[in-house]
C-alpha cells in the first residue's frame, strides 16, 4: 500500500474532523448512488468555514459490478470498498447551487475471472482514481440535500514507492452520473 497516500488520507481526515469540532458551519451527510462511489456510498460534507463556499467531503463506498467494462482487465465481476475524498466549491446563493469539485478515490477490490478450464479465480487489487464533480445541489437551510450531476474519472498511476509499476487495477476513463440524497445540519 502506498505510504504517501495513507499519510495524505490521514491528514485530510484529521483536518476535516478538527474543522468540524472547532466551528459551527454548514455540514451534511448524504448517500451517493453511482458517481465517485461507483455503486453506493455514504459521505460527510462540510464547508471549510462560515464565510466560504469552499468545502470538502470524505466517504466510504461499496462497489459491485458484473460489467466486463468496469476495469480494462475485463473481470467478470468486481466488488470492493473505496474511500472518496474531494474538495468542492458551491456556486450560487440560496437553496439552488452549482457544485464543482475535484478528488480521488482509493479502493480495495476483488476481481473474479474464469480460467481456461472454467474455474472461478479471484484476484485482490487496489486502485486510485481521480474524478471531478460537475453538478447541481439543492439544500435547504437545515434538512434535505439533493445532488445530481456527472463524475468524469480516470485511473491514477499504479506505481510503488520506488517508482516501479505496481500490479493493481487498470480502470478505463469513465463518466458516471450521480445522484445523492442527504441531510444538512
N, C-alpha and C. Protein backbone atom coordinates (compact mmCIF):
# COMPACT_ATOMS: atom_id res chain seq x y z
N UNK A 1 0.85 -1.17 0.00
CA UNK A 1 0.00 0.00 0.00
C UNK A 1 0.90 1.24 0.00
N UNK A 2 0.47 2.27 -0.67
CA UNK A 2 1.24 3.48 -0.85
C UNK A 2 1.23 4.31 0.44
N UNK A 3 2.42 4.46 1.07
CA UNK A 3 2.55 5.18 2.33
C UNK A 3 2.22 6.66 2.16
N UNK A 4 2.61 7.24 1.05
CA UNK A 4 2.31 8.66 0.78
C UNK A 4 0.80 8.88 0.73
N UNK A 5 0.09 7.95 0.09
CA UNK A 5 -1.36 8.05 0.01
C UNK A 5 -1.98 7.97 1.40
N UNK A 6 -1.54 7.01 2.22
CA UNK A 6 -2.10 6.86 3.56
C UNK A 6 -1.84 8.10 4.42
N UNK A 7 -0.66 8.69 4.30
CA UNK A 7 -0.37 9.92 5.04
C UNK A 7 -1.29 11.06 4.60
N UNK A 8 -1.51 11.19 3.30
CA UNK A 8 -2.41 12.23 2.78
C UNK A 8 -3.83 12.00 3.28
N UNK A 9 -4.29 10.76 3.22
CA UNK A 9 -5.63 10.41 3.69
C UNK A 9 -5.78 10.73 5.18
N UNK A 10 -4.79 10.38 5.98
CA UNK A 10 -4.84 10.67 7.42
C UNK A 10 -4.87 12.17 7.68
N UNK A 11 -4.06 12.93 6.95
CA UNK A 11 -4.02 14.38 7.13
C UNK A 11 -5.36 15.01 6.78
N UNK A 12 -5.92 14.66 5.61
CA UNK A 12 -7.20 15.23 5.19
C UNK A 12 -8.32 14.85 6.15
N UNK A 13 -8.33 13.61 6.60
CA UNK A 13 -9.37 13.17 7.54
C UNK A 13 -9.26 13.93 8.85
N UNK A 14 -8.05 14.05 9.37
CA UNK A 14 -7.83 14.80 10.61
C UNK A 14 -8.21 16.26 10.48
N UNK A 15 -7.86 16.84 9.34
CA UNK A 15 -8.19 18.25 9.07
C UNK A 15 -9.70 18.46 9.07
N UNK A 16 -10.43 17.59 8.39
CA UNK A 16 -11.89 17.74 8.32
C UNK A 16 -12.54 17.50 9.68
N UNK A 17 -12.04 16.55 10.45
CA UNK A 17 -12.59 16.29 11.78
C UNK A 17 -12.31 17.46 12.71
N UNK A 18 -11.08 17.98 12.67
CA UNK A 18 -10.73 19.13 13.51
C UNK A 18 -11.58 20.35 13.17
N UNK A 19 -11.81 20.58 11.89
CA UNK A 19 -12.65 21.69 11.47
C UNK A 19 -14.08 21.53 11.98
N UNK A 20 -14.57 20.31 11.98
CA UNK A 20 -15.93 20.04 12.44
C UNK A 20 -16.07 20.33 13.93
N UNK A 21 -15.10 19.93 14.72
CA UNK A 21 -15.16 20.11 16.16
C UNK A 21 -15.02 21.58 16.54
N UNK A 22 -14.20 22.34 15.80
CA UNK A 22 -13.87 23.72 16.18
C UNK A 22 -14.84 24.77 15.67
N UNK A 23 -15.71 24.47 14.75
CA UNK A 23 -16.55 25.52 14.18
C UNK A 23 -17.96 25.01 13.90
N UNK A 24 -18.90 25.94 13.93
CA UNK A 24 -20.26 25.64 13.52
C UNK A 24 -20.44 26.20 12.12
N UNK A 25 -20.63 25.37 11.16
CA UNK A 25 -20.83 25.79 9.78
C UNK A 25 -21.66 24.75 9.06
N UNK A 26 -21.93 25.01 7.80
CA UNK A 26 -22.74 24.06 7.03
C UNK A 26 -22.06 22.70 6.98
N UNK A 27 -22.82 21.68 7.33
CA UNK A 27 -22.35 20.30 7.29
C UNK A 27 -23.49 19.42 6.84
N UNK A 28 -23.18 18.29 6.32
CA UNK A 28 -24.22 17.37 5.91
C UNK A 28 -23.69 15.97 5.72
N UNK A 29 -24.61 15.06 5.61
CA UNK A 29 -24.28 13.67 5.31
C UNK A 29 -25.22 13.23 4.20
N UNK A 30 -24.69 12.49 3.23
CA UNK A 30 -25.54 12.06 2.13
C UNK A 30 -25.15 10.67 1.64
N UNK A 31 -26.11 10.01 1.00
CA UNK A 31 -25.90 8.73 0.34
C UNK A 31 -25.80 9.03 -1.14
N UNK A 32 -24.72 8.56 -1.76
CA UNK A 32 -24.48 8.80 -3.18
C UNK A 32 -24.64 7.50 -3.95
N UNK A 33 -25.38 7.56 -5.04
CA UNK A 33 -25.55 6.42 -5.95
C UNK A 33 -24.77 6.71 -7.22
N UNK A 34 -23.93 5.75 -7.62
CA UNK A 34 -23.03 5.86 -8.76
C UNK A 34 -21.99 6.95 -8.49
N UNK A 35 -21.58 7.72 -9.48
CA UNK A 35 -20.59 8.77 -9.27
C UNK A 35 -19.28 8.24 -8.72
N UNK A 36 -18.65 9.03 -7.85
CA UNK A 36 -17.37 8.62 -7.27
C UNK A 36 -17.51 7.40 -6.37
N UNK A 37 -18.72 7.10 -5.93
CA UNK A 37 -18.97 5.89 -5.13
C UNK A 37 -19.05 4.64 -5.99
N UNK A 38 -19.14 4.77 -7.28
CA UNK A 38 -19.26 3.71 -8.28
C UNK A 38 -20.58 2.95 -8.14
N UNK A 39 -20.92 2.47 -6.97
CA UNK A 39 -22.22 1.83 -6.75
C UNK A 39 -23.01 2.64 -5.73
N UNK A 40 -22.62 2.57 -4.45
CA UNK A 40 -23.31 3.33 -3.40
C UNK A 40 -22.31 3.68 -2.29
N UNK A 41 -22.45 4.88 -1.74
CA UNK A 41 -21.55 5.30 -0.68
C UNK A 41 -22.21 6.29 0.26
N UNK A 42 -21.62 6.45 1.44
CA UNK A 42 -22.06 7.41 2.45
C UNK A 42 -20.94 8.43 2.61
N UNK A 43 -21.31 9.73 2.55
CA UNK A 43 -20.31 10.80 2.58
C UNK A 43 -20.67 11.86 3.61
N UNK A 44 -19.62 12.43 4.22
CA UNK A 44 -19.76 13.58 5.10
C UNK A 44 -19.26 14.79 4.31
N UNK A 45 -20.02 15.88 4.31
CA UNK A 45 -19.69 17.08 3.54
C UNK A 45 -19.70 18.29 4.48
N UNK A 46 -18.75 19.20 4.33
CA UNK A 46 -18.69 20.40 5.16
C UNK A 46 -18.08 21.56 4.38
N UNK A 47 -18.46 22.77 4.75
CA UNK A 47 -17.79 23.98 4.27
C UNK A 47 -16.59 24.20 5.18
N UNK A 48 -15.51 24.80 4.67
CA UNK A 48 -14.31 24.99 5.48
C UNK A 48 -14.50 26.03 6.57
N UNK A 49 -15.39 27.00 6.37
CA UNK A 49 -15.75 27.94 7.43
C UNK A 49 -17.07 28.59 7.07
N UNK A 50 -17.58 29.48 7.92
CA UNK A 50 -18.88 30.13 7.70
C UNK A 50 -18.87 31.11 6.54
N UNK A 51 -17.71 31.54 6.10
CA UNK A 51 -17.61 32.64 5.15
C UNK A 51 -17.17 32.21 3.75
N UNK A 52 -17.17 30.95 3.48
CA UNK A 52 -16.72 30.49 2.18
C UNK A 52 -17.67 29.44 1.61
N UNK A 53 -17.67 29.36 0.31
CA UNK A 53 -18.43 28.30 -0.34
C UNK A 53 -17.51 27.14 -0.73
N UNK A 54 -16.25 27.19 -0.27
CA UNK A 54 -15.32 26.08 -0.45
C UNK A 54 -15.53 25.07 0.66
N UNK A 55 -15.45 23.80 0.30
CA UNK A 55 -15.63 22.75 1.29
C UNK A 55 -15.01 21.45 0.83
N UNK A 56 -15.35 20.39 1.52
CA UNK A 56 -14.81 19.09 1.18
C UNK A 56 -15.75 17.98 1.62
N UNK A 57 -15.43 16.79 1.15
CA UNK A 57 -16.21 15.63 1.55
C UNK A 57 -15.30 14.43 1.65
N UNK A 58 -15.70 13.51 2.49
CA UNK A 58 -14.98 12.26 2.66
C UNK A 58 -16.03 11.16 2.82
N UNK A 59 -15.77 9.99 2.25
CA UNK A 59 -16.79 8.96 2.32
C UNK A 59 -16.24 7.55 2.28
N UNK A 60 -17.15 6.62 2.37
CA UNK A 60 -16.85 5.21 2.21
C UNK A 60 -17.90 4.65 1.26
N UNK A 61 -17.46 3.84 0.30
CA UNK A 61 -18.37 3.35 -0.74
C UNK A 61 -18.16 1.86 -0.99
N UNK A 62 -19.24 1.19 -1.38
CA UNK A 62 -19.19 -0.21 -1.77
C UNK A 62 -19.41 -0.30 -3.28
N UNK A 63 -18.57 -1.08 -3.92
CA UNK A 63 -18.65 -1.26 -5.37
C UNK A 63 -19.03 -2.70 -5.68
N UNK A 64 -19.95 -2.86 -6.61
CA UNK A 64 -20.29 -4.19 -7.11
C UNK A 64 -20.67 -4.04 -8.58
N UNK A 65 -19.96 -4.75 -9.45
CA UNK A 65 -20.23 -4.64 -10.88
C UNK A 65 -20.09 -6.01 -11.53
N UNK A 66 -21.01 -6.30 -12.43
CA UNK A 66 -20.92 -7.52 -13.25
C UNK A 66 -20.53 -7.17 -14.67
N UNK A 67 -20.12 -5.93 -14.90
CA UNK A 67 -19.73 -5.48 -16.23
C UNK A 67 -18.27 -5.79 -16.50
N UNK A 68 -17.98 -6.31 -17.68
CA UNK A 68 -16.58 -6.54 -18.05
C UNK A 68 -15.90 -5.24 -18.45
N UNK A 69 -16.63 -4.16 -18.55
CA UNK A 69 -16.05 -2.86 -18.89
C UNK A 69 -15.63 -2.08 -17.65
N UNK A 70 -15.86 -2.63 -16.45
CA UNK A 70 -15.55 -1.88 -15.23
C UNK A 70 -14.06 -1.57 -15.13
N UNK A 71 -13.21 -2.55 -15.41
CA UNK A 71 -11.77 -2.36 -15.48
C UNK A 71 -11.30 -2.81 -16.85
N UNK A 72 -10.19 -2.23 -17.31
CA UNK A 72 -9.66 -2.61 -18.62
C UNK A 72 -9.24 -4.08 -18.66
N UNK A 73 -8.94 -4.66 -17.49
CA UNK A 73 -8.55 -6.06 -17.43
C UNK A 73 -9.74 -7.01 -17.59
N UNK A 74 -10.95 -6.45 -17.75
CA UNK A 74 -12.19 -7.17 -18.07
C UNK A 74 -12.56 -8.29 -17.10
N UNK A 75 -12.63 -8.02 -15.80
CA UNK A 75 -13.13 -9.06 -14.89
C UNK A 75 -14.61 -9.30 -15.13
N UNK A 76 -15.05 -10.50 -14.79
CA UNK A 76 -16.47 -10.84 -14.96
C UNK A 76 -17.31 -10.26 -13.82
N UNK A 77 -16.68 -10.02 -12.67
CA UNK A 77 -17.36 -9.42 -11.54
C UNK A 77 -16.32 -8.68 -10.70
N UNK A 78 -16.68 -7.53 -10.21
CA UNK A 78 -15.80 -6.74 -9.34
C UNK A 78 -16.60 -6.29 -8.13
N UNK A 79 -15.99 -6.41 -6.96
CA UNK A 79 -16.61 -5.88 -5.75
C UNK A 79 -15.50 -5.37 -4.84
N UNK A 80 -15.86 -4.44 -3.96
CA UNK A 80 -14.85 -3.92 -3.05
C UNK A 80 -15.28 -2.64 -2.38
N UNK A 81 -14.36 -2.07 -1.62
CA UNK A 81 -14.60 -0.86 -0.85
C UNK A 81 -13.66 0.24 -1.33
N UNK A 82 -14.17 1.46 -1.37
CA UNK A 82 -13.33 2.59 -1.75
C UNK A 82 -13.59 3.76 -0.81
N UNK A 83 -12.67 4.73 -0.84
CA UNK A 83 -12.69 5.86 0.08
C UNK A 83 -12.51 7.16 -0.71
N UNK A 84 -13.62 7.75 -1.19
CA UNK A 84 -13.54 9.00 -1.95
C UNK A 84 -13.30 10.21 -1.04
N UNK A 85 -12.44 11.10 -1.49
CA UNK A 85 -12.14 12.37 -0.81
C UNK A 85 -12.13 13.44 -1.87
N UNK A 86 -12.78 14.59 -1.62
CA UNK A 86 -12.83 15.65 -2.62
C UNK A 86 -12.90 17.02 -1.97
N UNK A 87 -12.43 18.01 -2.70
CA UNK A 87 -12.60 19.42 -2.37
C UNK A 87 -13.61 19.96 -3.36
N UNK A 88 -14.56 20.80 -2.90
CA UNK A 88 -15.57 21.30 -3.83
C UNK A 88 -15.88 22.77 -3.57
N UNK A 89 -16.50 23.38 -4.55
CA UNK A 89 -16.89 24.78 -4.49
C UNK A 89 -18.35 24.88 -4.94
N UNK A 90 -19.16 25.58 -4.14
CA UNK A 90 -20.57 25.78 -4.49
C UNK A 90 -20.71 27.17 -5.10
N UNK A 91 -21.41 27.23 -6.23
CA UNK A 91 -21.60 28.50 -6.95
C UNK A 91 -23.08 28.84 -6.89
N UNK A 92 -23.38 30.04 -6.38
CA UNK A 92 -24.76 30.48 -6.26
C UNK A 92 -25.13 30.72 -4.82
N UNK A 93 -26.23 31.40 -4.64
CA UNK A 93 -26.74 31.71 -3.30
C UNK A 93 -28.07 31.01 -3.10
N UNK A 94 -28.44 30.82 -1.87
CA UNK A 94 -29.73 30.22 -1.58
C UNK A 94 -29.70 28.71 -1.67
N UNK A 95 -30.84 28.15 -2.02
CA UNK A 95 -31.01 26.70 -2.00
C UNK A 95 -30.48 25.99 -3.24
N UNK A 96 -30.42 26.68 -4.37
CA UNK A 96 -30.01 26.07 -5.64
C UNK A 96 -28.60 26.52 -5.99
N UNK A 97 -27.69 25.55 -6.14
CA UNK A 97 -26.29 25.88 -6.40
C UNK A 97 -25.67 24.91 -7.39
N UNK A 98 -24.66 25.39 -8.10
CA UNK A 98 -23.83 24.51 -8.92
C UNK A 98 -22.69 24.02 -8.03
N UNK A 99 -22.27 22.79 -8.26
CA UNK A 99 -21.17 22.21 -7.49
C UNK A 99 -20.06 21.78 -8.44
N UNK A 100 -18.85 22.23 -8.16
CA UNK A 100 -17.67 21.84 -8.94
C UNK A 100 -16.65 21.32 -7.94
N UNK A 101 -16.11 20.13 -8.18
CA UNK A 101 -15.16 19.56 -7.24
C UNK A 101 -14.13 18.70 -7.93
N UNK A 102 -13.07 18.41 -7.19
CA UNK A 102 -12.02 17.51 -7.67
C UNK A 102 -11.60 16.63 -6.52
N UNK A 103 -11.35 15.35 -6.82
CA UNK A 103 -10.97 14.44 -5.75
C UNK A 103 -10.36 13.16 -6.26
N UNK A 104 -10.13 12.25 -5.33
CA UNK A 104 -9.62 10.93 -5.69
C UNK A 104 -10.28 9.90 -4.80
N UNK A 105 -10.23 8.67 -5.25
CA UNK A 105 -10.82 7.57 -4.51
C UNK A 105 -9.84 6.41 -4.52
N UNK A 106 -9.50 5.92 -3.34
CA UNK A 106 -8.61 4.76 -3.23
C UNK A 106 -9.48 3.57 -2.86
N UNK A 107 -9.27 2.43 -3.53
CA UNK A 107 -10.12 1.28 -3.27
C UNK A 107 -9.39 -0.04 -3.18
N UNK A 108 -10.03 -0.97 -2.49
CA UNK A 108 -9.60 -2.36 -2.39
C UNK A 108 -10.67 -3.20 -3.09
N UNK A 109 -10.29 -3.96 -4.11
CA UNK A 109 -11.25 -4.67 -4.95
C UNK A 109 -10.89 -6.14 -5.07
N UNK A 110 -11.93 -6.96 -5.28
CA UNK A 110 -11.76 -8.36 -5.63
C UNK A 110 -12.36 -8.53 -7.02
N UNK A 111 -11.54 -9.01 -7.94
CA UNK A 111 -11.98 -9.21 -9.33
C UNK A 111 -12.08 -10.71 -9.58
N UNK A 112 -13.19 -11.16 -10.17
CA UNK A 112 -13.41 -12.57 -10.44
C UNK A 112 -13.35 -12.82 -11.95
N UNK A 113 -12.61 -13.88 -12.31
CA UNK A 113 -12.47 -14.32 -13.69
C UNK A 113 -12.73 -15.82 -13.74
N UNK A 114 -12.88 -16.35 -14.93
CA UNK A 114 -12.87 -17.80 -15.14
C UNK A 114 -11.61 -18.14 -15.92
N UNK A 115 -10.87 -19.17 -15.45
CA UNK A 115 -9.65 -19.56 -16.14
C UNK A 115 -9.96 -20.45 -17.33
N UNK A 116 -8.93 -21.01 -17.96
CA UNK A 116 -9.10 -21.80 -19.19
C UNK A 116 -9.92 -23.07 -18.99
N UNK A 117 -9.98 -23.60 -17.78
CA UNK A 117 -10.78 -24.80 -17.52
C UNK A 117 -12.08 -24.44 -16.81
N UNK A 118 -12.46 -23.18 -16.92
CA UNK A 118 -13.73 -22.66 -16.41
C UNK A 118 -13.84 -22.67 -14.88
N UNK A 119 -12.69 -22.61 -14.18
CA UNK A 119 -12.71 -22.47 -12.73
C UNK A 119 -12.78 -20.99 -12.39
N UNK A 120 -13.50 -20.66 -11.34
CA UNK A 120 -13.60 -19.28 -10.88
C UNK A 120 -12.31 -18.91 -10.14
N UNK A 121 -11.69 -17.81 -10.55
CA UNK A 121 -10.46 -17.33 -9.94
C UNK A 121 -10.68 -15.89 -9.49
N UNK A 122 -10.28 -15.58 -8.26
CA UNK A 122 -10.42 -14.22 -7.75
C UNK A 122 -9.04 -13.63 -7.45
N UNK A 123 -8.88 -12.35 -7.78
CA UNK A 123 -7.66 -11.62 -7.51
C UNK A 123 -7.99 -10.36 -6.72
N UNK A 124 -7.22 -10.09 -5.69
CA UNK A 124 -7.38 -8.85 -4.94
C UNK A 124 -6.52 -7.77 -5.60
N UNK A 125 -7.11 -6.57 -5.75
CA UNK A 125 -6.43 -5.46 -6.40
C UNK A 125 -6.68 -4.18 -5.60
N UNK A 126 -5.81 -3.20 -5.79
CA UNK A 126 -6.03 -1.86 -5.27
C UNK A 126 -6.03 -0.91 -6.45
N UNK A 127 -6.61 0.25 -6.27
CA UNK A 127 -6.62 1.23 -7.34
C UNK A 127 -6.94 2.61 -6.81
N UNK A 128 -6.39 3.61 -7.46
CA UNK A 128 -6.67 5.00 -7.12
C UNK A 128 -7.18 5.69 -8.38
N UNK A 129 -8.29 6.42 -8.22
CA UNK A 129 -8.93 7.07 -9.35
C UNK A 129 -9.16 8.54 -9.04
N UNK A 130 -8.84 9.39 -9.98
CA UNK A 130 -9.14 10.81 -9.85
C UNK A 130 -10.50 11.08 -10.48
N UNK A 131 -11.24 12.06 -9.96
CA UNK A 131 -12.55 12.37 -10.50
C UNK A 131 -12.88 13.84 -10.33
N UNK A 132 -13.85 14.29 -11.11
CA UNK A 132 -14.42 15.63 -10.99
C UNK A 132 -15.88 15.50 -10.59
N UNK A 133 -16.37 16.45 -9.81
CA UNK A 133 -17.80 16.57 -9.52
C UNK A 133 -18.31 17.76 -10.32
N UNK A 134 -19.25 17.53 -11.21
CA UNK A 134 -19.86 18.60 -12.00
C UNK A 134 -21.36 18.42 -11.88
N UNK A 135 -22.00 19.27 -11.06
CA UNK A 135 -23.41 19.02 -10.85
C UNK A 135 -24.19 20.14 -10.21
N UNK A 136 -25.38 19.78 -9.82
CA UNK A 136 -26.37 20.66 -9.21
C UNK A 136 -26.58 20.20 -7.78
N UNK A 137 -26.76 21.18 -6.88
CA UNK A 137 -27.05 20.85 -5.48
C UNK A 137 -28.22 21.69 -4.99
N UNK A 138 -29.18 21.01 -4.40
CA UNK A 138 -30.27 21.67 -3.70
C UNK A 138 -30.07 21.38 -2.22
N UNK A 139 -30.09 22.44 -1.41
CA UNK A 139 -30.03 22.20 0.03
C UNK A 139 -30.82 23.26 0.77
N UNK A 140 -31.72 22.77 1.62
CA UNK A 140 -32.49 23.68 2.45
C UNK A 140 -31.58 24.21 3.56
N UNK A 141 -32.05 25.21 4.28
CA UNK A 141 -31.25 25.80 5.36
C UNK A 141 -30.82 24.71 6.35
N UNK A 142 -31.73 23.84 6.68
CA UNK A 142 -31.44 22.68 7.50
C UNK A 142 -32.41 21.60 7.05
N UNK A 143 -31.89 20.46 6.71
CA UNK A 143 -32.76 19.38 6.25
C UNK A 143 -32.30 18.80 4.93
N UNK A 144 -33.20 18.69 3.99
CA UNK A 144 -32.98 17.99 2.73
C UNK A 144 -31.82 18.52 1.91
N UNK A 145 -30.99 17.61 1.41
CA UNK A 145 -29.91 17.91 0.47
C UNK A 145 -30.03 16.94 -0.70
N UNK A 146 -30.02 17.47 -1.92
CA UNK A 146 -30.07 16.64 -3.13
C UNK A 146 -28.93 17.08 -4.04
N UNK A 147 -28.19 16.12 -4.56
CA UNK A 147 -27.11 16.39 -5.51
C UNK A 147 -27.36 15.53 -6.74
N UNK A 148 -27.04 16.09 -7.91
CA UNK A 148 -27.14 15.32 -9.15
C UNK A 148 -26.15 15.90 -10.15
N UNK A 149 -25.53 15.04 -10.94
CA UNK A 149 -24.56 15.52 -11.93
C UNK A 149 -23.81 14.38 -12.57
N UNK A 150 -22.60 14.71 -13.05
CA UNK A 150 -21.73 13.71 -13.67
C UNK A 150 -20.38 13.72 -12.98
N UNK A 151 -19.71 12.57 -13.05
CA UNK A 151 -18.40 12.35 -12.44
C UNK A 151 -17.44 11.80 -13.48
N UNK A 152 -16.75 12.64 -14.24
CA UNK A 152 -15.69 12.08 -15.09
C UNK A 152 -14.56 11.56 -14.20
N UNK A 153 -14.01 10.39 -14.52
CA UNK A 153 -12.96 9.81 -13.71
C UNK A 153 -11.94 9.07 -14.54
N UNK A 154 -10.72 8.95 -14.01
CA UNK A 154 -9.65 8.25 -14.70
C UNK A 154 -8.72 7.63 -13.66
N UNK A 155 -8.14 6.48 -14.01
CA UNK A 155 -7.19 5.82 -13.11
C UNK A 155 -5.95 6.68 -12.96
N UNK A 156 -5.43 6.74 -11.75
CA UNK A 156 -4.17 7.44 -11.49
C UNK A 156 -3.05 6.40 -11.52
N UNK A 157 -1.83 6.84 -11.60
CA UNK A 157 -0.68 5.94 -11.75
C UNK A 157 -0.66 4.77 -10.80
N UNK A 158 -0.16 3.66 -11.28
CA UNK A 158 -0.05 2.44 -10.49
C UNK A 158 1.43 2.17 -10.21
N UNK A 159 2.04 2.93 -9.32
CA UNK A 159 3.47 2.79 -9.05
C UNK A 159 3.72 2.62 -7.57
N UNK A 160 4.78 1.88 -7.23
CA UNK A 160 5.13 1.70 -5.82
C UNK A 160 6.01 2.87 -5.36
N UNK A 161 6.50 2.81 -4.12
CA UNK A 161 7.28 3.90 -3.55
C UNK A 161 8.60 4.15 -4.27
N UNK A 162 9.13 3.15 -4.99
CA UNK A 162 10.37 3.31 -5.73
C UNK A 162 10.14 3.72 -7.18
N UNK A 163 8.90 3.97 -7.54
CA UNK A 163 8.59 4.40 -8.90
C UNK A 163 8.43 3.28 -9.90
N UNK A 164 8.43 2.02 -9.41
CA UNK A 164 8.23 0.89 -10.31
C UNK A 164 6.74 0.66 -10.51
N UNK A 165 6.37 0.19 -11.70
CA UNK A 165 4.95 -0.07 -11.95
C UNK A 165 4.48 -1.15 -11.00
N UNK A 166 3.34 -0.90 -10.38
CA UNK A 166 2.77 -1.81 -9.39
C UNK A 166 1.61 -2.57 -10.03
N UNK A 167 1.38 -3.78 -9.56
CA UNK A 167 0.29 -4.59 -10.07
C UNK A 167 -0.99 -4.20 -9.36
N UNK A 168 -1.89 -3.56 -10.05
CA UNK A 168 -3.17 -3.14 -9.47
C UNK A 168 -4.22 -3.11 -10.54
N UNK A 169 -5.35 -2.52 -10.24
CA UNK A 169 -6.41 -2.44 -11.24
C UNK A 169 -6.06 -1.38 -12.26
N UNK A 170 -6.56 -1.55 -13.46
CA UNK A 170 -6.31 -0.63 -14.55
C UNK A 170 -7.68 -0.22 -15.09
N UNK A 171 -8.24 0.82 -14.54
CA UNK A 171 -9.59 1.24 -14.88
C UNK A 171 -9.58 2.17 -16.09
N UNK A 172 -10.52 1.96 -16.96
CA UNK A 172 -10.68 2.84 -18.12
C UNK A 172 -11.25 4.18 -17.66
N UNK A 173 -11.01 5.23 -18.46
CA UNK A 173 -11.63 6.53 -18.19
C UNK A 173 -13.15 6.37 -18.35
N UNK A 174 -13.90 6.92 -17.41
CA UNK A 174 -15.35 6.77 -17.42
C UNK A 174 -16.02 8.10 -17.06
N UNK A 175 -17.29 8.18 -17.38
CA UNK A 175 -18.13 9.29 -16.92
C UNK A 175 -19.36 8.65 -16.30
N UNK A 176 -19.46 8.76 -14.97
CA UNK A 176 -20.60 8.22 -14.24
C UNK A 176 -21.57 9.35 -13.90
N UNK A 177 -22.85 9.12 -14.06
CA UNK A 177 -23.81 10.07 -13.49
C UNK A 177 -23.88 9.80 -11.99
N UNK A 178 -24.39 10.75 -11.22
CA UNK A 178 -24.59 10.50 -9.80
C UNK A 178 -25.84 11.21 -9.32
N UNK A 179 -26.41 10.67 -8.25
CA UNK A 179 -27.50 11.32 -7.54
C UNK A 179 -27.28 11.03 -6.06
N UNK A 180 -27.50 12.03 -5.24
CA UNK A 180 -27.29 11.90 -3.79
C UNK A 180 -28.48 12.46 -3.05
N UNK A 181 -28.83 11.81 -1.97
CA UNK A 181 -29.87 12.28 -1.06
C UNK A 181 -29.26 12.35 0.33
N UNK A 182 -29.52 13.46 1.02
CA UNK A 182 -28.92 13.60 2.33
C UNK A 182 -29.62 14.59 3.22
N UNK A 183 -28.93 14.90 4.32
CA UNK A 183 -29.46 15.78 5.33
C UNK A 183 -28.38 16.81 5.68
N UNK A 184 -28.74 18.08 5.63
CA UNK A 184 -27.85 19.17 6.00
C UNK A 184 -28.20 19.58 7.43
N UNK A 185 -27.17 19.70 8.29
CA UNK A 185 -27.42 20.10 9.67
C UNK A 185 -26.54 21.27 10.06
